[in-house]
N, C-alpha and C. Protein backbone atom coordinates (compact mmCIF):
# COMPACT_ATOMS: atom_id res chain seq x y z
N MET A 1 -17.20 5.51 19.68
CA MET A 1 -15.30 6.10 19.97
C MET A 1 -14.86 7.25 19.26
N GLN A 2 -14.67 8.02 19.67
CA GLN A 2 -13.82 9.11 19.15
C GLN A 2 -12.36 9.59 19.74
N LEU A 3 -11.39 9.83 18.81
CA LEU A 3 -10.29 10.22 19.13
C LEU A 3 -9.80 11.29 18.60
N LEU A 4 -9.08 11.89 19.17
CA LEU A 4 -8.71 13.28 18.47
C LEU A 4 -7.20 12.87 17.82
N VAL A 5 -7.13 13.55 16.55
CA VAL A 5 -5.80 13.19 15.55
C VAL A 5 -5.65 14.72 14.76
N SER A 6 -4.58 15.50 15.89
CA SER A 6 -3.83 16.66 15.04
C SER A 6 -5.19 17.63 15.04
N LYS A 7 -5.96 17.89 15.65
CA LYS A 7 -7.13 18.47 15.82
C LYS A 7 -8.25 18.59 15.47
N HIS A 8 -8.66 17.15 15.00
CA HIS A 8 -9.36 16.61 14.20
C HIS A 8 -10.04 15.18 15.21
N ILE A 9 -11.12 15.16 15.26
CA ILE A 9 -11.84 13.88 16.10
C ILE A 9 -11.97 12.88 15.09
N VAL A 10 -11.32 11.92 15.01
CA VAL A 10 -11.83 10.58 14.34
C VAL A 10 -12.96 9.58 14.79
N THR A 11 -13.69 9.68 14.36
CA THR A 11 -15.11 8.87 14.50
C THR A 11 -14.96 7.50 14.34
N GLU A 12 -15.68 6.43 14.61
CA GLU A 12 -15.40 5.30 14.27
C GLU A 12 -15.59 4.78 12.93
N HIS A 13 -16.86 5.65 12.56
CA HIS A 13 -16.68 5.52 10.69
C HIS A 13 -15.58 5.71 9.97
N GLU A 14 -14.90 6.68 10.13
CA GLU A 14 -13.66 7.26 9.69
C GLU A 14 -12.53 6.30 9.97
N ALA A 15 -12.43 5.58 11.15
CA ALA A 15 -11.32 4.96 11.73
C ALA A 15 -11.43 3.53 10.59
N GLU A 16 -12.64 3.16 10.74
CA GLU A 16 -12.93 1.67 9.75
C GLU A 16 -12.64 2.26 8.48
N ALA A 17 -12.71 3.02 8.17
CA ALA A 17 -12.87 3.34 6.46
C ALA A 17 -11.17 3.36 6.26
N ALA A 18 -10.57 4.11 7.10
CA ALA A 18 -9.14 4.68 7.16
C ALA A 18 -8.54 3.26 7.15
N SER A 19 -8.84 2.11 8.06
CA SER A 19 -8.17 0.91 8.10
C SER A 19 -8.41 0.14 6.69
N ASN A 20 -9.74 0.15 6.36
CA ASN A 20 -10.07 -0.68 5.26
C ASN A 20 -8.82 -0.32 3.96
N SER A 21 -8.55 1.04 4.18
CA SER A 21 -7.97 1.33 2.74
C SER A 21 -6.35 0.40 2.89
N TYR A 22 -6.12 0.05 3.92
CA TYR A 22 -4.86 -0.79 3.84
C TYR A 22 -5.07 -2.32 3.78
N LEU A 23 -6.43 -2.54 4.51
CA LEU A 23 -6.64 -4.12 4.31
C LEU A 23 -7.11 -4.32 2.77
N MET A 24 -7.60 -3.46 1.85
CA MET A 24 -7.85 -3.68 0.47
C MET A 24 -6.50 -4.31 -0.33
N SER A 25 -5.79 -3.92 0.37
CA SER A 25 -4.30 -4.65 -0.70
C SER A 25 -4.06 -5.91 0.16
N LEU A 26 -4.24 -6.00 1.29
CA LEU A 26 -4.02 -7.24 1.64
C LEU A 26 -5.14 -8.36 1.44
N ILE A 27 -6.22 -8.01 1.37
CA ILE A 27 -6.99 -8.81 0.96
C ILE A 27 -7.00 -9.13 -0.99
N ALA A 28 -6.51 -8.03 -1.46
CA ALA A 28 -6.11 -8.37 -2.81
C ALA A 28 -5.04 -9.22 -3.24
N ILE A 29 -4.20 -9.47 -2.39
CA ILE A 29 -2.93 -10.26 -2.39
C ILE A 29 -3.30 -11.55 -2.67
N ILE A 30 -4.63 -12.22 -2.16
CA ILE A 30 -5.04 -13.22 -2.10
C ILE A 30 -5.57 -13.59 -3.80
N GLY A 31 -5.90 -13.09 -4.51
CA GLY A 31 -6.11 -13.18 -5.76
C GLY A 31 -5.25 -12.68 -6.39
N GLY A 32 -4.24 -11.78 -6.06
CA GLY A 32 -3.32 -10.93 -6.79
C GLY A 32 -1.91 -11.37 -7.01
N LEU A 33 -1.27 -12.19 -6.20
CA LEU A 33 -0.25 -12.81 -6.07
C LEU A 33 0.65 -12.98 -7.07
N PRO A 34 0.41 -13.48 -8.14
CA PRO A 34 1.01 -13.93 -9.21
C PRO A 34 0.92 -12.33 -10.30
N LEU A 35 0.11 -11.90 -10.13
CA LEU A 35 -0.05 -10.74 -10.77
C LEU A 35 -0.15 -9.47 -10.28
N PRO A 36 0.96 -8.76 -9.96
CA PRO A 36 1.02 -7.38 -9.08
C PRO A 36 0.10 -6.48 -9.59
N ILE A 37 -0.41 -6.13 -10.69
CA ILE A 37 -1.60 -5.09 -10.99
C ILE A 37 -2.86 -5.19 -10.35
N VAL A 38 -3.27 -6.47 -9.66
CA VAL A 38 -4.32 -6.63 -9.09
C VAL A 38 -4.45 -5.86 -7.68
N ASN A 39 -3.43 -5.87 -6.95
CA ASN A 39 -3.31 -5.18 -5.71
C ASN A 39 -3.51 -3.83 -5.83
N LEU A 40 -2.96 -3.11 -7.05
CA LEU A 40 -2.87 -1.95 -7.11
C LEU A 40 -4.13 -1.55 -7.82
N ILE A 41 -4.72 -2.27 -8.40
CA ILE A 41 -6.37 -1.87 -8.85
C ILE A 41 -7.16 -1.83 -7.69
N ALA A 42 -6.94 -2.70 -6.92
CA ALA A 42 -8.10 -2.77 -5.82
C ALA A 42 -7.76 -1.57 -5.06
N THR A 43 -6.72 -1.04 -4.71
CA THR A 43 -6.45 0.35 -3.67
C THR A 43 -6.82 1.33 -4.80
N VAL A 44 -6.85 1.26 -5.89
CA VAL A 44 -7.03 2.36 -6.62
C VAL A 44 -8.80 2.77 -6.83
N ILE A 45 -9.37 1.44 -6.93
CA ILE A 45 -10.90 1.57 -6.39
C ILE A 45 -11.46 2.10 -5.23
N PHE A 46 -10.62 1.64 -4.08
CA PHE A 46 -10.72 2.03 -2.91
C PHE A 46 -10.78 3.65 -2.42
N TYR A 47 -9.29 4.23 -3.46
CA TYR A 47 -9.09 5.29 -3.15
C TYR A 47 -9.95 6.07 -3.91
N PHE A 48 -10.54 6.01 -4.97
CA PHE A 48 -11.52 6.97 -5.70
C PHE A 48 -12.73 6.81 -5.24
N GLY A 49 -12.87 5.44 -4.40
CA GLY A 49 -14.07 5.44 -3.49
C GLY A 49 -14.58 6.58 -2.15
N ASN A 50 -13.38 6.91 -1.79
CA ASN A 50 -13.09 7.77 -0.82
C ASN A 50 -12.74 8.70 -0.80
N ARG A 51 -12.72 9.62 -2.04
CA ARG A 51 -12.28 11.03 -2.41
C ARG A 51 -12.94 11.76 -1.67
N LYS A 52 -14.16 11.73 -1.51
CA LYS A 52 -14.90 12.65 -1.02
C LYS A 52 -15.02 12.56 0.53
N SER A 53 -14.30 11.59 1.24
CA SER A 53 -14.51 11.27 2.82
C SER A 53 -13.76 12.19 3.47
N THR A 54 -13.66 12.46 4.68
CA THR A 54 -13.07 13.04 5.51
C THR A 54 -11.70 12.96 5.54
N TRP A 55 -10.87 14.26 5.92
CA TRP A 55 -9.10 14.11 5.68
C TRP A 55 -8.75 12.79 5.81
N PHE A 56 -9.02 12.46 7.49
CA PHE A 56 -8.19 11.25 7.97
C PHE A 56 -8.41 10.07 6.80
N VAL A 57 -9.68 10.08 6.36
CA VAL A 57 -9.80 8.65 5.26
C VAL A 57 -9.18 8.74 4.04
N ARG A 58 -9.20 10.02 3.54
CA ARG A 58 -8.44 10.55 2.30
C ARG A 58 -6.99 10.35 2.67
N TRP A 59 -6.46 10.76 3.38
CA TRP A 59 -4.85 10.80 4.01
C TRP A 59 -4.51 9.19 3.80
N HIS A 60 -5.22 8.62 4.52
CA HIS A 60 -4.71 7.01 4.50
C HIS A 60 -5.29 6.23 3.51
N CYS A 61 -5.98 6.42 2.52
CA CYS A 61 -6.28 6.13 1.53
C CYS A 61 -5.26 6.64 0.63
N THR A 62 -4.67 7.88 0.55
CA THR A 62 -3.64 8.23 -0.47
C THR A 62 -2.20 7.70 0.03
N GLN A 63 -1.89 7.35 1.19
CA GLN A 63 -0.87 6.81 1.63
C GLN A 63 -0.63 5.29 1.06
N ALA A 64 -1.91 4.51 1.36
CA ALA A 64 -2.12 3.17 0.85
C ALA A 64 -1.74 3.17 -0.40
N LEU A 65 -2.34 4.15 -1.43
CA LEU A 65 -1.88 4.18 -2.55
C LEU A 65 -0.82 4.23 -3.28
N LEU A 66 -0.16 5.35 -2.48
CA LEU A 66 1.31 5.67 -2.98
C LEU A 66 2.34 4.32 -2.92
N SER A 67 2.06 3.64 -1.54
CA SER A 67 2.71 2.57 -1.37
C SER A 67 2.56 1.50 -2.28
N GLN A 68 1.48 0.90 -2.38
CA GLN A 68 1.03 -0.08 -3.53
C GLN A 68 1.40 0.53 -4.83
N LEU A 69 1.80 1.67 -5.33
CA LEU A 69 2.23 2.03 -6.66
C LEU A 69 3.74 1.93 -6.58
N SER A 70 4.38 2.23 -5.55
CA SER A 70 5.96 1.78 -5.45
C SER A 70 6.19 0.18 -5.48
N LEU A 71 5.18 -0.48 -4.76
CA LEU A 71 5.48 -1.95 -4.74
C LEU A 71 4.77 -2.29 -5.89
N PHE A 72 4.12 -2.00 -6.74
CA PHE A 72 3.70 -2.21 -7.99
C PHE A 72 4.55 -2.23 -8.97
N LEU A 73 5.34 -1.40 -9.13
CA LEU A 73 6.61 -0.82 -9.87
C LEU A 73 7.70 -2.12 -9.53
N MET A 74 8.03 -2.06 -8.68
CA MET A 74 9.22 -3.18 -7.98
C MET A 74 8.75 -4.44 -8.54
N ASN A 75 7.62 -5.06 -8.17
CA ASN A 75 7.07 -6.29 -8.38
C ASN A 75 6.85 -6.51 -9.79
N SER A 76 6.57 -5.40 -10.45
CA SER A 76 6.34 -5.72 -12.35
C SER A 76 7.81 -5.90 -12.72
N TYR A 77 8.59 -5.08 -12.17
CA TYR A 77 9.97 -5.67 -12.92
C TYR A 77 10.17 -6.50 -12.60
N GLY A 78 10.36 -7.05 -11.38
CA GLY A 78 10.84 -8.30 -10.96
C GLY A 78 9.77 -9.50 -12.14
N PHE A 79 8.71 -9.22 -11.90
CA PHE A 79 7.73 -10.25 -12.74
C PHE A 79 8.23 -10.14 -14.08
N TRP A 80 8.40 -9.38 -14.79
CA TRP A 80 8.94 -9.02 -16.05
C TRP A 80 10.59 -9.55 -16.44
N TRP A 81 11.09 -9.50 -15.46
CA TRP A 81 12.56 -9.92 -15.68
C TRP A 81 12.64 -11.78 -15.69
N THR A 82 11.54 -12.12 -14.70
CA THR A 82 11.59 -13.52 -14.30
C THR A 82 10.84 -14.32 -15.47
N ILE A 83 9.73 -13.48 -16.53
CA ILE A 83 9.08 -14.10 -17.67
C ILE A 83 10.34 -13.85 -18.69
N ALA A 84 11.04 -13.14 -18.69
CA ALA A 84 12.04 -13.04 -19.72
C ALA A 84 13.07 -14.17 -19.64
N ILE A 85 13.70 -14.39 -18.35
CA ILE A 85 14.24 -15.86 -17.99
C ILE A 85 13.58 -16.90 -18.38
N ALA A 86 12.60 -16.98 -18.07
CA ALA A 86 11.64 -18.14 -18.50
C ALA A 86 11.52 -18.57 -19.87
N PHE A 87 11.19 -17.70 -20.82
CA PHE A 87 10.61 -17.37 -22.24
C PHE A 87 12.17 -17.10 -23.12
N THR A 88 13.07 -16.45 -22.87
CA THR A 88 14.13 -16.20 -23.47
C THR A 88 15.47 -16.94 -23.26
N GLU A 89 16.49 -16.48 -23.99
CA GLU A 89 17.93 -16.91 -23.50
C GLU A 89 18.41 -16.32 -22.76
N LYS A 90 17.90 -15.58 -21.76
CA LYS A 90 18.34 -14.68 -20.68
C LYS A 90 18.67 -15.87 -19.59
N GLU A 91 19.40 -15.60 -18.85
CA GLU A 91 20.18 -16.39 -17.72
C GLU A 91 19.80 -15.61 -16.29
N ILE A 92 20.00 -16.71 -15.30
CA ILE A 92 19.65 -16.22 -13.92
C ILE A 92 21.05 -15.54 -13.79
N SER A 93 21.08 -14.36 -13.13
CA SER A 93 22.31 -13.82 -12.79
C SER A 93 22.44 -13.35 -11.16
N GLY A 94 23.50 -12.85 -10.90
CA GLY A 94 23.62 -12.38 -9.49
C GLY A 94 22.89 -11.16 -9.27
N ASN A 95 22.65 -10.26 -10.40
CA ASN A 95 21.91 -9.26 -10.13
C ASN A 95 20.47 -9.35 -10.04
N TYR A 96 19.95 -10.25 -10.82
CA TYR A 96 18.59 -10.93 -10.67
C TYR A 96 18.19 -11.65 -9.51
N ILE A 97 19.06 -12.36 -8.69
CA ILE A 97 18.85 -13.02 -7.74
C ILE A 97 18.88 -12.09 -6.40
N ALA A 98 19.95 -10.69 -6.51
CA ALA A 98 19.65 -9.72 -5.63
C ALA A 98 18.67 -8.90 -5.51
N TYR A 99 17.92 -8.53 -6.86
CA TYR A 99 16.63 -7.98 -7.03
C TYR A 99 15.33 -8.80 -6.19
N LEU A 100 15.59 -9.89 -6.35
CA LEU A 100 14.71 -10.73 -5.90
C LEU A 100 14.30 -10.79 -4.67
N ILE A 101 15.88 -10.97 -4.05
CA ILE A 101 15.46 -10.89 -2.35
C ILE A 101 15.38 -9.23 -2.24
N THR A 102 15.61 -8.56 -2.67
CA THR A 102 15.16 -7.38 -2.59
C THR A 102 13.86 -6.97 -2.34
N ILE A 103 13.08 -7.42 -3.47
CA ILE A 103 11.52 -7.35 -3.33
C ILE A 103 10.87 -7.84 -2.38
N PHE A 104 11.55 -9.11 -2.12
CA PHE A 104 10.97 -10.13 -1.29
C PHE A 104 11.08 -9.38 0.30
N ILE A 105 12.18 -8.48 0.47
CA ILE A 105 12.25 -7.84 1.71
C ILE A 105 11.21 -7.00 1.91
N PHE A 106 11.41 -6.25 0.52
CA PHE A 106 10.16 -4.61 0.55
C PHE A 106 9.01 -5.41 0.63
N ASN A 107 8.40 -6.31 0.14
CA ASN A 107 7.06 -6.72 0.33
C ASN A 107 6.95 -7.42 1.42
N ILE A 108 7.64 -8.34 2.52
CA ILE A 108 7.43 -8.39 3.69
C ILE A 108 7.52 -7.18 4.47
N VAL A 109 8.10 -6.27 4.54
CA VAL A 109 8.21 -5.25 5.27
C VAL A 109 6.92 -4.17 5.11
N GLU A 110 6.32 -3.89 3.62
CA GLU A 110 5.28 -3.38 3.43
C GLU A 110 4.04 -4.14 4.34
N PHE A 111 3.98 -5.69 4.03
CA PHE A 111 2.89 -6.51 4.23
C PHE A 111 2.77 -6.26 6.34
N VAL A 112 3.81 -6.03 6.73
CA VAL A 112 3.97 -5.89 7.93
C VAL A 112 3.18 -4.71 8.63
N ALA A 113 4.13 -3.91 7.93
CA ALA A 113 3.70 -2.29 7.89
C ALA A 113 2.06 -2.03 7.73
N THR A 114 1.66 -2.92 6.75
CA THR A 114 -0.10 -2.59 6.20
C THR A 114 -0.66 -3.04 7.21
N ILE A 115 -0.45 -4.14 8.11
CA ILE A 115 -1.03 -4.77 9.24
C ILE A 115 -0.82 -4.08 10.16
N PHE A 116 -0.01 -3.57 10.55
CA PHE A 116 0.23 -2.56 11.89
C PHE A 116 -0.65 -1.14 11.69
N THR A 117 -0.69 -0.80 10.41
CA THR A 117 -1.29 0.51 10.21
C THR A 117 -2.64 0.46 10.29
N ALA A 118 -3.34 -0.73 9.44
CA ALA A 118 -4.51 -1.30 9.38
C ALA A 118 -5.15 -1.09 10.82
N ILE A 119 -4.37 -1.78 11.93
CA ILE A 119 -4.88 -1.94 13.26
C ILE A 119 -4.69 -0.63 13.87
N GLN A 120 -4.04 0.16 14.10
CA GLN A 120 -3.66 1.43 14.25
C GLN A 120 -4.53 2.47 14.04
N THR A 121 -4.88 2.49 12.43
CA THR A 121 -5.84 3.50 12.34
C THR A 121 -7.34 3.14 12.64
N ARG A 122 -7.61 1.55 12.72
CA ARG A 122 -8.82 0.93 13.33
C ARG A 122 -8.95 1.62 14.54
N LYS A 123 -7.99 1.78 15.21
CA LYS A 123 -7.99 2.58 16.84
C LYS A 123 -8.41 4.19 16.69
N GLY A 124 -8.07 4.41 15.49
CA GLY A 124 -8.21 6.26 15.31
C GLY A 124 -6.67 6.59 15.42
N LYS A 125 -5.86 5.91 15.58
CA LYS A 125 -4.30 6.48 15.76
C LYS A 125 -4.08 6.95 14.05
N HIS A 126 -3.57 8.05 13.82
CA HIS A 126 -2.82 8.57 12.64
C HIS A 126 -1.12 8.01 12.43
N VAL A 127 -1.14 6.95 11.47
CA VAL A 127 0.35 6.38 11.39
C VAL A 127 0.86 6.92 10.22
N GLU A 128 2.07 7.44 10.43
CA GLU A 128 2.68 7.90 8.82
C GLU A 128 3.98 7.08 8.90
N TRP A 129 4.17 6.74 7.44
CA TRP A 129 5.33 5.85 7.00
C TRP A 129 6.29 7.07 6.47
N TRP A 130 7.39 6.35 6.80
CA TRP A 130 8.74 6.92 6.21
C TRP A 130 8.66 7.02 4.79
N PHE A 131 8.77 8.16 4.37
CA PHE A 131 8.94 8.22 2.84
C PHE A 131 7.40 8.68 2.35
N TYR A 132 6.62 7.69 2.69
CA TYR A 132 5.44 8.01 1.96
C TYR A 132 4.32 8.58 2.64
N SER A 133 4.65 9.25 3.80
CA SER A 133 3.77 10.58 4.56
C SER A 133 4.36 11.92 4.07
N SER A 134 5.49 12.13 3.87
CA SER A 134 5.71 13.11 3.05
C SER A 134 5.12 13.41 2.00
N LEU A 135 5.21 12.74 0.84
CA LEU A 135 4.31 12.56 -0.68
C LEU A 135 2.91 12.64 -0.45
N THR A 136 2.28 11.98 0.71
CA THR A 136 1.00 12.24 0.91
C THR A 136 0.55 13.29 1.53
N ASN A 137 1.36 14.09 2.64
CA ASN A 137 1.07 15.63 2.63
C ASN A 137 0.98 16.58 1.59
N LEU A 138 2.01 15.79 0.67
CA LEU A 138 1.93 17.12 -0.49
C LEU A 138 0.78 16.93 -1.34
N VAL A 139 0.17 15.57 -1.38
CA VAL A 139 -1.06 15.21 -2.09
C VAL A 139 -2.19 15.51 -1.47
N CYS A 140 -2.39 15.36 -0.34
CA CYS A 140 -3.58 15.31 0.45
C CYS A 140 -4.01 16.40 1.22
N LYS A 141 -4.42 17.62 1.01
CA LYS A 141 -4.52 18.83 2.07
C LYS A 141 -5.72 18.60 3.01
N ALA A 142 -5.69 19.03 4.20
CA ALA A 142 -6.57 18.97 5.03
C ALA A 142 -7.59 20.29 4.56
């Protein structure tokens, strides 16, 4: 199977590797749900393992890494805020509840987008996420 993506033919191997860059973060959720760093580490390892791949694979590894980095930052802040509430005299506030709702929504959207993108890239389609694709284009040159 070969598909044309912006003047580049995507091979079966490339499509699978690009798709796996998104699946890596989903698989890591199983082990890393309570600790946000596990997902980021898994994605970083996959990213470094594919640095010398084709542009299509590198681009999608980079987009997956950037999305996991922002997710890590948001989840870490919520994790440590929860730890502070549990082990200090801080109390649950409206801001805390609002933040938890926000990161819950962000995680669900990212989860659905990751599944969709993994499926589409496996088909050889180039999927660009809002915000992250612009950063990825700056980082990953053809």
